Protein backbone atom coordinates (compact mmCIF):
# COMPACT_ATOMS: atom_id res chain seq x y z
CA MET A 1 19.24 104.44 95.64
CA GLU A 2 22.06 104.46 93.11
CA ASN A 3 20.87 101.21 91.63
CA THR A 4 17.43 102.71 91.11
CA TRP A 5 18.77 105.47 88.88
CA ILE A 6 20.86 102.96 86.90
CA ILE A 7 17.75 100.82 86.37
CA VAL A 8 15.63 103.82 85.34
CA ALA A 9 18.24 105.21 82.95
CA SER A 10 18.84 101.78 81.37
CA LEU A 11 15.11 101.22 81.00
CA PHE A 12 14.67 104.64 79.38
CA LEU A 13 17.47 104.01 76.90
CA ILE A 14 16.08 100.57 75.98
CA ILE A 15 12.57 101.95 75.49
CA ILE A 16 13.76 104.88 73.33
CA PHE A 17 15.90 102.48 71.23
CA LEU A 18 12.90 100.17 70.70
CA TYR A 19 10.66 103.18 69.83
CA TRP A 20 13.22 104.34 67.30
CA LYS A 21 13.64 100.87 65.73
CA ILE A 22 9.86 100.38 65.41
CA SER A 23 8.72 103.82 64.35
CA LYS A 24 11.51 105.40 62.27
CA ASP A 25 10.57 103.84 58.95
CA TYR A 26 6.85 104.45 59.51
CA PHE A 27 7.36 108.17 60.21
CA LYS A 28 9.91 108.54 57.43
CA ASN A 29 7.79 106.90 54.74
CA GLU A 30 4.15 107.23 55.80
CA VAL A 31 3.77 110.35 57.92
CA PHE A 32 6.32 112.73 56.41
CA SER A 33 7.43 113.02 52.81
CA GLU A 34 11.04 112.38 51.84
CA GLY A 35 11.85 116.08 51.45
CA THR A 36 10.17 116.94 54.74
CA TRP A 37 12.05 114.23 56.64
CA LYS A 38 15.38 115.75 55.63
CA ASN A 39 14.41 118.97 57.39
CA TRP A 40 15.96 119.25 60.86
CA GLY A 41 12.72 120.62 62.31
CA THR A 42 10.86 117.47 61.40
CA LYS A 43 13.50 115.27 62.98
CA LEU A 44 13.45 117.44 66.07
CA PHE A 45 9.66 117.00 66.27
CA TYR A 46 10.10 113.24 65.92
CA TRP A 47 12.74 113.06 68.69
CA GLN A 48 10.71 115.23 71.04
CA GLY A 49 7.84 112.82 70.62
CA ALA A 50 10.16 109.85 71.12
CA ILE A 51 11.57 111.27 74.35
CA PHE A 52 8.07 112.12 75.62
CA VAL A 53 6.67 108.64 74.86
CA SER A 54 9.73 106.89 76.30
CA GLY A 55 9.59 109.03 79.44
CA LEU A 56 5.93 108.19 80.00
CA VAL A 57 6.44 104.45 79.41
CA THR A 58 9.48 104.44 81.70
CA ALA A 59 7.53 106.23 84.45
CA LEU A 60 4.66 103.77 84.07
CA ILE A 61 6.99 100.76 84.32
CA VAL A 62 8.83 102.18 87.34
CA PHE A 63 5.47 102.92 89.01
CA LEU A 64 4.32 99.35 88.35
CA LEU A 65 7.61 97.93 89.66
CA LYS A 66 7.29 100.04 92.83
CA TRP A 67 3.63 99.12 93.27
CA THR A 68 4.43 95.41 93.09
CA SER A 69 7.35 95.94 95.53
CA ILE A 70 9.94 94.70 93.07
CA LEU A 71 11.74 98.05 93.11
CA ASN A 72 12.16 99.82 96.42
CA PHE A 73 13.30 103.38 96.87
């Protein structure tokens, strides 16, 4: 059971890092203007979305791993 939480936490951190690497420049330059991006509310909105997307992707991957009997808990 302890290994499952380590796998899930590691998977979540990897996914949120990849999301940040891929989407930061896009949101900074295309979605929000330079002045808006410096506002803490905009960054908070970005990180809330990043955590939500990463949580959903992590849950989907864990569900698929459990469904294929690779991960047992």
